[in-house]
Amino acid sequence: MSQQHWKVILPAGERAVSVATGLGWAAAVTSTNFLRTFTSGGAQANVIWLKGDVVTCAGRGNFLGVVYHGGECGMDGTQNLNYSVYDVLGDCEIATGKLSAIR
C-alpha cells in the first residue's frame, strides 16, 4: 500500500475545527462554517456552508455526519443542535434534522 501525503492551506482567517475521513475522501469543517471535502489525492471537491458553528463530524465509507449549532443557547443552557448526513462520493445530502435539546 502506498502512502499519500498532502496538505491544504486554507484562506486567511479560516482554520479547521473538525475533520473526518472515509473511503476515498477527507473533510474539514472550518471556523467560517464551511464544510470542505477533498479527494484522497488532496483535490478539493465540494464546499458547503453550514448554518451554524460545528460541534463535530465523523465519516465512514461514503458517508459524513456533521452536528452543528442550530441557534443560540436557551436561557436554561439548552443547546439547539442540528445534523446533516452527506453521501460524499454521491455528492448529495441524504438527511438533515434537529437533535434533541441537550443541557
N, C-alpha and C. Protein backbone atom coordinates (compact mmCIF):
# COMPACT_ATOMS: atom_id res chain seq x y z
N MET A 1 0.85 -1.17 0.00
CA MET A 1 0.00 0.00 0.00
C MET A 1 0.90 1.24 0.00
N SER A 2 0.63 2.15 -0.91
CA SER A 2 1.43 3.38 -0.95
C SER A 2 0.83 4.42 -0.01
N GLN A 3 1.67 5.27 0.51
CA GLN A 3 1.22 6.34 1.39
C GLN A 3 1.17 7.63 0.60
N GLN A 4 0.07 8.36 0.78
CA GLN A 4 -0.05 9.65 0.12
C GLN A 4 -0.04 10.74 1.18
N HIS A 5 0.70 11.78 0.93
CA HIS A 5 0.75 12.92 1.84
C HIS A 5 0.39 14.17 1.06
N TRP A 6 -0.47 14.98 1.63
CA TRP A 6 -0.82 16.26 1.05
C TRP A 6 -1.28 17.18 2.15
N LYS A 7 -1.28 18.45 1.87
CA LYS A 7 -1.78 19.41 2.85
C LYS A 7 -2.56 20.48 2.11
N VAL A 8 -3.42 21.15 2.86
CA VAL A 8 -4.26 22.19 2.31
C VAL A 8 -3.99 23.47 3.08
N ILE A 9 -3.84 24.55 2.38
CA ILE A 9 -3.71 25.86 3.01
C ILE A 9 -5.05 26.56 2.86
N LEU A 10 -5.68 26.83 3.99
CA LEU A 10 -6.99 27.48 3.99
C LEU A 10 -6.82 28.99 3.82
N PRO A 11 -7.89 29.66 3.38
CA PRO A 11 -7.82 31.11 3.24
C PRO A 11 -7.48 31.78 4.58
N ALA A 12 -6.91 32.97 4.52
CA ALA A 12 -6.53 33.72 5.72
C ALA A 12 -7.72 33.86 6.66
N GLY A 13 -7.49 33.60 7.94
CA GLY A 13 -8.54 33.73 8.95
C GLY A 13 -9.44 32.52 9.09
N GLU A 14 -9.21 31.50 8.31
CA GLU A 14 -10.03 30.28 8.35
C GLU A 14 -9.16 29.14 8.89
N ARG A 15 -9.71 28.35 9.83
CA ARG A 15 -8.95 27.23 10.36
C ARG A 15 -9.87 26.01 10.49
N ALA A 16 -9.31 24.84 10.39
CA ALA A 16 -10.07 23.60 10.55
C ALA A 16 -10.42 23.42 12.02
N VAL A 17 -11.69 23.13 12.30
CA VAL A 17 -12.11 22.89 13.68
C VAL A 17 -12.59 21.45 13.90
N SER A 18 -12.89 20.73 12.81
CA SER A 18 -13.26 19.33 12.90
C SER A 18 -12.93 18.67 11.56
N VAL A 19 -12.39 17.45 11.62
CA VAL A 19 -12.03 16.73 10.40
C VAL A 19 -12.55 15.30 10.47
N ALA A 20 -12.74 14.71 9.30
CA ALA A 20 -13.20 13.33 9.20
C ALA A 20 -12.68 12.73 7.90
N THR A 21 -12.59 11.40 7.88
CA THR A 21 -12.20 10.71 6.65
C THR A 21 -13.17 9.56 6.40
N GLY A 22 -13.18 9.14 5.16
CA GLY A 22 -13.99 8.00 4.77
C GLY A 22 -13.28 7.25 3.66
N LEU A 23 -14.03 6.50 2.89
CA LEU A 23 -13.48 5.68 1.82
C LEU A 23 -13.18 6.55 0.60
N GLY A 24 -11.93 6.99 0.46
CA GLY A 24 -11.53 7.77 -0.70
C GLY A 24 -11.76 9.26 -0.58
N TRP A 25 -11.97 9.78 0.62
CA TRP A 25 -12.22 11.22 0.79
C TRP A 25 -11.80 11.66 2.19
N ALA A 26 -11.66 12.95 2.35
CA ALA A 26 -11.43 13.59 3.64
C ALA A 26 -12.27 14.86 3.68
N ALA A 27 -12.60 15.32 4.88
CA ALA A 27 -13.41 16.53 5.01
C ALA A 27 -12.91 17.34 6.19
N ALA A 28 -13.08 18.64 6.08
CA ALA A 28 -12.76 19.56 7.17
C ALA A 28 -13.89 20.57 7.28
N VAL A 29 -14.34 20.80 8.51
CA VAL A 29 -15.28 21.88 8.77
C VAL A 29 -14.46 23.00 9.40
N THR A 30 -14.64 24.21 8.91
CA THR A 30 -13.76 25.30 9.31
C THR A 30 -14.45 26.31 10.23
N SER A 31 -13.64 27.20 10.74
CA SER A 31 -14.11 28.23 11.66
C SER A 31 -15.08 29.21 11.00
N THR A 32 -15.17 29.20 9.69
CA THR A 32 -16.12 30.05 8.97
C THR A 32 -17.35 29.27 8.52
N ASN A 33 -17.55 28.09 9.12
CA ASN A 33 -18.71 27.21 8.89
C ASN A 33 -18.75 26.61 7.48
N PHE A 34 -17.59 26.52 6.82
CA PHE A 34 -17.54 25.84 5.55
C PHE A 34 -17.19 24.37 5.77
N LEU A 35 -17.91 23.50 5.10
CA LEU A 35 -17.59 22.08 5.03
C LEU A 35 -16.86 21.88 3.71
N ARG A 36 -15.59 21.54 3.80
CA ARG A 36 -14.77 21.36 2.60
C ARG A 36 -14.44 19.88 2.47
N THR A 37 -14.76 19.30 1.32
CA THR A 37 -14.42 17.89 1.07
C THR A 37 -13.29 17.81 0.06
N PHE A 38 -12.50 16.75 0.21
CA PHE A 38 -11.32 16.55 -0.62
C PHE A 38 -11.25 15.11 -1.08
N THR A 39 -10.67 14.90 -2.26
CA THR A 39 -10.43 13.54 -2.73
C THR A 39 -9.25 12.97 -1.95
N SER A 40 -9.05 11.68 -2.07
CA SER A 40 -7.92 11.06 -1.37
C SER A 40 -6.58 11.57 -1.90
N GLY A 41 -6.57 12.16 -3.09
CA GLY A 41 -5.35 12.75 -3.64
C GLY A 41 -5.12 14.18 -3.22
N GLY A 42 -6.08 14.77 -2.48
CA GLY A 42 -5.92 16.12 -1.97
C GLY A 42 -6.61 17.22 -2.75
N ALA A 43 -7.29 16.88 -3.83
CA ALA A 43 -8.01 17.90 -4.61
C ALA A 43 -9.31 18.27 -3.89
N GLN A 44 -9.58 19.57 -3.79
CA GLN A 44 -10.82 19.99 -3.15
C GLN A 44 -12.00 19.63 -4.04
N ALA A 45 -13.03 19.06 -3.44
CA ALA A 45 -14.23 18.68 -4.19
C ALA A 45 -15.30 19.74 -3.95
N ASN A 46 -16.14 19.54 -2.94
CA ASN A 46 -17.25 20.46 -2.69
C ASN A 46 -16.97 21.36 -1.50
N VAL A 47 -17.62 22.51 -1.51
CA VAL A 47 -17.62 23.43 -0.37
C VAL A 47 -19.08 23.74 -0.07
N ILE A 48 -19.48 23.46 1.16
CA ILE A 48 -20.87 23.68 1.60
C ILE A 48 -20.83 24.59 2.82
N TRP A 49 -21.72 25.57 2.86
CA TRP A 49 -21.80 26.45 4.02
C TRP A 49 -22.82 25.89 4.99
N LEU A 50 -22.40 25.67 6.24
CA LEU A 50 -23.30 25.19 7.29
C LEU A 50 -23.98 26.37 7.95
N LYS A 51 -25.19 26.17 8.43
CA LYS A 51 -25.98 27.25 9.01
C LYS A 51 -25.64 27.57 10.46
N GLY A 52 -24.65 26.89 11.01
CA GLY A 52 -24.25 27.14 12.39
C GLY A 52 -22.86 26.61 12.66
N ASP A 53 -22.32 26.96 13.82
CA ASP A 53 -20.98 26.50 14.20
C ASP A 53 -20.96 25.00 14.40
N VAL A 54 -19.91 24.36 13.93
CA VAL A 54 -19.79 22.90 14.02
C VAL A 54 -19.56 22.47 15.47
N VAL A 55 -20.13 21.32 15.80
CA VAL A 55 -19.86 20.65 17.07
C VAL A 55 -18.87 19.52 16.81
N THR A 56 -19.17 18.68 15.81
CA THR A 56 -18.29 17.58 15.44
C THR A 56 -18.71 17.04 14.08
N CYS A 57 -17.82 16.21 13.51
CA CYS A 57 -18.16 15.48 12.29
C CYS A 57 -17.48 14.12 12.36
N ALA A 58 -18.04 13.17 11.62
CA ALA A 58 -17.48 11.81 11.59
C ALA A 58 -17.78 11.20 10.23
N GLY A 59 -16.85 10.36 9.77
CA GLY A 59 -17.03 9.73 8.47
C GLY A 59 -16.91 8.23 8.55
N ARG A 60 -17.60 7.57 7.60
CA ARG A 60 -17.49 6.12 7.44
C ARG A 60 -17.94 5.77 6.04
N GLY A 61 -17.09 5.04 5.32
CA GLY A 61 -17.44 4.68 3.95
C GLY A 61 -17.65 5.92 3.11
N ASN A 62 -18.81 5.99 2.45
CA ASN A 62 -19.16 7.16 1.63
C ASN A 62 -19.76 8.29 2.45
N PHE A 63 -20.07 8.03 3.72
CA PHE A 63 -20.94 8.94 4.47
C PHE A 63 -20.19 9.83 5.46
N LEU A 64 -20.70 11.05 5.58
CA LEU A 64 -20.18 12.04 6.50
C LEU A 64 -21.34 12.60 7.31
N GLY A 65 -21.21 12.54 8.64
CA GLY A 65 -22.20 13.13 9.52
C GLY A 65 -21.63 14.38 10.17
N VAL A 66 -22.42 15.45 10.20
CA VAL A 66 -21.99 16.72 10.79
C VAL A 66 -23.04 17.17 11.78
N VAL A 67 -22.62 17.53 12.99
CA VAL A 67 -23.51 18.10 14.00
C VAL A 67 -23.08 19.55 14.20
N TYR A 68 -24.05 20.45 14.17
CA TYR A 68 -23.75 21.87 14.29
C TYR A 68 -24.84 22.58 15.09
N HIS A 69 -24.49 23.77 15.59
CA HIS A 69 -25.45 24.55 16.38
C HIS A 69 -26.54 25.08 15.46
N GLY A 70 -27.79 24.91 15.90
CA GLY A 70 -28.93 25.37 15.13
C GLY A 70 -29.48 26.70 15.60
N GLY A 71 -28.85 27.31 16.57
CA GLY A 71 -29.31 28.58 17.10
C GLY A 71 -28.64 28.86 18.43
N GLU A 72 -29.05 29.94 19.04
CA GLU A 72 -28.49 30.34 20.34
C GLU A 72 -28.92 29.37 21.43
N CYS A 73 -28.15 29.31 22.50
CA CYS A 73 -28.49 28.51 23.67
C CYS A 73 -29.74 29.09 24.32
N GLY A 74 -30.54 28.23 24.91
CA GLY A 74 -31.69 28.69 25.67
C GLY A 74 -31.23 29.31 26.99
N MET A 75 -32.12 30.02 27.64
CA MET A 75 -31.77 30.67 28.92
C MET A 75 -31.38 29.66 29.98
N ASP A 76 -31.85 28.42 29.84
CA ASP A 76 -31.51 27.38 30.80
C ASP A 76 -30.26 26.60 30.39
N GLY A 77 -29.56 27.06 29.32
CA GLY A 77 -28.34 26.41 28.88
C GLY A 77 -28.57 25.32 27.84
N THR A 78 -29.80 25.12 27.42
CA THR A 78 -30.12 24.09 26.43
C THR A 78 -29.44 24.41 25.09
N GLN A 79 -28.78 23.42 24.52
CA GLN A 79 -28.14 23.57 23.21
C GLN A 79 -29.13 23.16 22.12
N ASN A 80 -29.23 23.96 21.08
CA ASN A 80 -30.05 23.64 19.91
C ASN A 80 -29.12 23.10 18.84
N LEU A 81 -29.19 21.79 18.59
CA LEU A 81 -28.27 21.14 17.65
C LEU A 81 -29.00 20.57 16.45
N ASN A 82 -28.39 20.72 15.29
CA ASN A 82 -28.89 20.14 14.05
C ASN A 82 -27.86 19.16 13.52
N TYR A 83 -28.29 18.33 12.57
CA TYR A 83 -27.35 17.40 11.93
C TYR A 83 -27.62 17.36 10.43
N SER A 84 -26.59 16.99 9.70
CA SER A 84 -26.71 16.69 8.27
C SER A 84 -25.86 15.46 8.01
N VAL A 85 -26.35 14.60 7.12
CA VAL A 85 -25.61 13.43 6.67
C VAL A 85 -25.45 13.55 5.16
N TYR A 86 -24.21 13.39 4.71
CA TYR A 86 -23.89 13.53 3.29
C TYR A 86 -23.35 12.23 2.74
N ASP A 87 -23.70 11.93 1.49
CA ASP A 87 -23.02 10.90 0.71
C ASP A 87 -21.94 11.66 -0.05
N VAL A 88 -20.72 11.63 0.46
CA VAL A 88 -19.66 12.46 -0.09
C VAL A 88 -19.36 12.07 -1.53
N LEU A 89 -19.24 10.78 -1.82
CA LEU A 89 -18.91 10.36 -3.18
C LEU A 89 -20.09 10.54 -4.13
N GLY A 90 -21.31 10.46 -3.60
CA GLY A 90 -22.51 10.69 -4.41
C GLY A 90 -22.86 12.16 -4.54
N ASP A 91 -22.13 13.03 -3.81
CA ASP A 91 -22.29 14.47 -3.89
C ASP A 91 -23.72 14.92 -3.56
N CYS A 92 -24.25 14.42 -2.41
CA CYS A 92 -25.59 14.86 -2.03
C CYS A 92 -25.80 14.74 -0.52
N GLU A 93 -26.70 15.58 -0.02
CA GLU A 93 -27.13 15.50 1.37
C GLU A 93 -28.26 14.48 1.42
N ILE A 94 -28.17 13.51 2.32
CA ILE A 94 -29.19 12.47 2.35
C ILE A 94 -30.11 12.56 3.56
N ALA A 95 -29.73 13.34 4.57
CA ALA A 95 -30.60 13.51 5.74
C ALA A 95 -30.20 14.80 6.45
N THR A 96 -31.19 15.42 7.06
CA THR A 96 -30.95 16.62 7.86
C THR A 96 -32.06 16.73 8.89
N GLY A 97 -31.77 17.35 10.00
CA GLY A 97 -32.80 17.50 11.02
C GLY A 97 -32.28 18.10 12.30
N LYS A 98 -33.12 18.08 13.31
CA LYS A 98 -32.78 18.62 14.62
C LYS A 98 -32.55 17.47 15.58
N LEU A 99 -31.60 17.66 16.49
CA LEU A 99 -31.37 16.69 17.56
C LEU A 99 -32.13 17.13 18.80
N SER A 100 -32.33 16.23 19.69
CA SER A 100 -32.96 16.58 20.96
C SER A 100 -32.12 17.63 21.67
N ALA A 101 -32.78 18.52 22.37
CA ALA A 101 -32.08 19.58 23.10
C ALA A 101 -31.22 18.94 24.19
N ILE A 102 -30.01 19.49 24.36
CA ILE A 102 -29.06 18.93 25.32
C ILE A 102 -28.67 20.04 26.30
N ARG A 103 -28.64 19.72 27.57
CA ARG A 103 -28.19 20.68 28.58
C ARG A 103 -26.80 20.38 29.01
